[in-house]
Protein backbone atom coordinates (compact mmCIF):
# COMPACT_ATOMS: atom_id res chain seq x y z
CA MET A 1 0.00 0.00 0.00
CA THR A 2 1.31 3.45 -0.88
CA THR A 3 1.48 6.33 1.56
CA GLN A 4 -1.40 8.75 1.12
CA ASN A 5 0.09 12.16 1.76
CA ILE A 6 -2.16 15.20 1.45
CA THR A 7 -2.05 16.13 -2.22
CA ALA A 8 -3.84 18.43 -4.64
CA THR A 9 -3.45 19.16 -8.34
CA LEU A 10 -4.21 22.39 -10.19
CA LEU A 11 -4.28 22.81 -13.97
CA VAL A 12 -4.10 26.40 -15.24
CA ASP A 13 -3.62 28.39 -18.43
CA GLN A 14 -0.79 30.47 -16.94
CA SER A 15 2.90 29.75 -17.57
CA PRO A 16 5.15 27.74 -15.23
CA ALA A 17 6.89 31.03 -14.36
CA GLU A 18 3.60 32.62 -13.30
CA VAL A 19 2.74 29.59 -11.15
CA PHE A 20 6.23 29.54 -9.62
CA ASN A 21 6.06 33.24 -8.78
CA ALA A 22 2.60 32.88 -7.22
CA ILE A 23 3.72 29.98 -5.00
CA ASN A 24 6.65 32.05 -3.72
CA ASN A 25 4.32 34.97 -2.94
CA VAL A 26 3.21 33.17 0.23
CA ARG A 27 1.79 36.41 1.70
CA GLY A 28 -0.41 36.68 -1.38
CA TRP A 29 -2.19 33.33 -0.92
CA TRP A 30 -1.52 31.69 2.49
CA SER A 31 -1.05 34.42 5.09
CA ALA A 32 -0.90 38.20 4.74
CA THR A 33 0.71 38.29 8.21
CA LEU A 34 3.52 35.86 7.40
CA GLN A 35 6.71 36.51 9.38
CA GLY A 36 10.07 36.15 7.64
CA ALA A 37 10.96 35.62 3.98
CA SER A 38 9.80 32.99 1.48
CA GLN A 39 11.48 33.96 -1.79
CA LYS A 40 14.89 32.28 -1.93
CA LEU A 41 16.65 29.10 -0.87
CA GLY A 42 17.32 29.05 2.87
CA ASP A 43 14.58 31.58 3.71
CA GLU A 44 12.50 30.80 6.80
CA PHE A 45 9.00 31.99 7.54
CA ILE A 46 6.35 31.58 10.21
CA TYR A 47 2.66 30.99 9.58
CA ARG A 48 0.20 31.64 12.41
CA TYR A 49 -3.57 31.36 12.41
CA LYS A 50 -5.39 32.57 15.51
CA ASP A 51 -4.33 30.44 18.48
CA MET A 52 -4.83 27.22 16.48
CA HIS A 53 -1.81 26.93 14.19
CA TYR A 54 1.84 27.92 14.31
CA SER A 55 4.44 26.52 11.93
CA ARG A 56 7.95 27.54 10.87
CA GLN A 57 8.99 26.56 7.35
CA LYS A 58 12.35 26.68 5.58
CA LEU A 59 12.72 26.88 1.82
CA VAL A 60 14.98 23.84 1.19
CA GLU A 61 14.69 23.26 -2.56
CA MET A 62 13.93 25.55 -5.44
CA VAL A 63 14.17 24.83 -9.16
CA GLU A 64 13.02 27.90 -11.06
CA ASN A 65 9.62 27.39 -12.71
CA GLN A 66 9.64 23.67 -11.72
CA LYS A 67 9.72 23.02 -7.99
CA VAL A 68 9.52 24.54 -4.50
CA VAL A 69 10.00 22.54 -1.29
CA TRP A 70 9.53 23.69 2.30
CA GLU A 71 10.63 21.76 5.38
CA VAL A 72 8.54 22.29 8.50
CA LEU A 73 11.08 22.96 11.26
CA ASP A 74 8.63 23.53 14.11
CA SER A 75 4.87 23.42 14.62
CA GLN A 76 2.15 23.79 17.22
CA LEU A 77 -1.41 22.75 16.36
CA THR A 78 -3.60 23.38 19.41
CA PHE A 79 -6.66 21.49 18.12
CA ILE A 80 -5.04 18.02 18.25
CA ASP A 81 -3.27 15.91 20.89
CA LYS A 82 0.07 15.53 19.03
CA LYS A 83 0.58 19.26 18.69
CA ASP A 84 3.83 19.04 16.68
CA GLU A 85 2.42 16.75 14.00
CA TRP A 86 3.69 18.99 11.18
CA THR A 87 7.28 19.14 12.51
CA GLY A 88 9.62 17.21 10.22
CA THR A 89 7.17 17.07 7.31
CA THR A 90 7.86 18.62 3.91
CA ILE A 91 5.61 20.56 1.58
CA SER A 92 6.32 20.40 -2.16
CA PHE A 93 5.00 22.21 -5.20
CA ASP A 94 5.87 20.49 -8.49
CA ILE A 95 5.25 22.48 -11.68
CA SER A 96 5.15 20.97 -15.18
CA LYS A 97 3.68 21.57 -18.62
CA LYS A 98 0.70 19.43 -19.64
CA GLY A 99 -0.03 20.23 -23.27
CA ASP A 100 -0.83 23.93 -23.41
CA LYS A 101 -1.58 24.07 -19.65
CA THR A 102 0.58 24.22 -16.53
CA GLN A 103 0.08 21.59 -13.85
CA LEU A 104 0.85 22.19 -10.19
CA VAL A 105 1.02 19.16 -7.90
CA PHE A 106 1.03 20.05 -4.20
CA THR A 107 2.03 17.40 -1.64
CA HIS A 108 2.33 17.68 2.13
CA HIS A 109 4.69 14.73 2.70
CA GLY A 110 4.22 13.08 6.08
CA LEU A 111 0.61 14.07 6.66
CA THR A 112 -1.19 10.80 6.04
CA PRO A 113 -4.62 9.47 7.07
CA GLN A 114 -2.99 8.10 10.23
CA CYS A 115 -2.27 11.68 11.41
CA GLU A 116 -4.78 13.27 13.74
CA CYS A 117 -4.91 16.50 11.74
CA TYR A 118 -5.29 14.80 8.34
CA ASP A 119 -8.95 15.74 7.73
CA ALA A 120 -8.70 19.28 9.09
CA CYS A 121 -5.39 19.89 7.31
CA THR A 122 -6.74 18.48 4.03
CA ASN A 123 -9.68 20.89 4.26
CA GLY A 124 -7.35 23.78 5.11
CA TRP A 125 -4.94 23.07 2.27
CA ASN A 126 -7.83 22.65 -0.18
CA HIS A 127 -9.18 26.04 0.91
CA TYR A 128 -5.86 27.78 0.30
CA LEU A 129 -4.85 25.84 -2.83
CA GLN A 130 -8.12 25.43 -4.72
CA GLY A 131 -9.25 28.90 -3.62
CA SER A 132 -6.60 31.45 -2.72
CA LEU A 133 -3.54 30.17 -4.65
CA LEU A 134 -5.61 29.34 -7.72
CA GLN A 135 -7.08 32.86 -7.64
CA LEU A 136 -3.63 34.40 -7.22
CA ILE A 137 -2.36 32.44 -10.23
CA THR A 138 -5.36 33.15 -12.48
CA THR A 139 -6.40 36.68 -11.41
CA GLY A 140 -3.35 38.10 -9.62
CA LYS A 141 -5.23 38.37 -6.30
CA GLY A 142 -5.46 35.62 -3.68
CA GLU A 143 -7.38 35.45 -0.40
CA PRO A 144 -4.73 34.84 2.28
CA ALA A 145 -5.53 34.58 5.99
CA LYS A 146 -5.28 37.93 7.71
CA GLU A 147 -5.60 36.82 11.34
CA ILE A 148 -2.81 35.99 13.77
CA ALA A 149 -2.76 34.93 17.41
CA ASN A 150 -4.18 37.41 19.90
């Protein structure tokens, strides 16, 4: 049996470069209140949402117009028992041409159905990927979270 990481696929009319640039504009689609940098290899950034989610990511792989990979260095999810479930996981964005379209395959490696946050995290990623990131790619304007911890 294969591991079932959280994954999502988008197919768009925009170029691989436009998709790549949108992914790296993390403030434009995931969190407007992102702390740190997310543009070049080695950058680290912190995502917070209310008092429910904290995670620190590091940009560990970047192939222009083809791939972006983040490693989750630290995490705190207050709505589950194993609060650091994201720590040590990786998040990848693989970009390729499919005919006259560009395909983006998102995978959160290490978040499988055995993880407590799998359902909630799948819903969260789908919200940001199928909604906000897709809008950023296709219209130039995403809908990132604007709330941080009190």
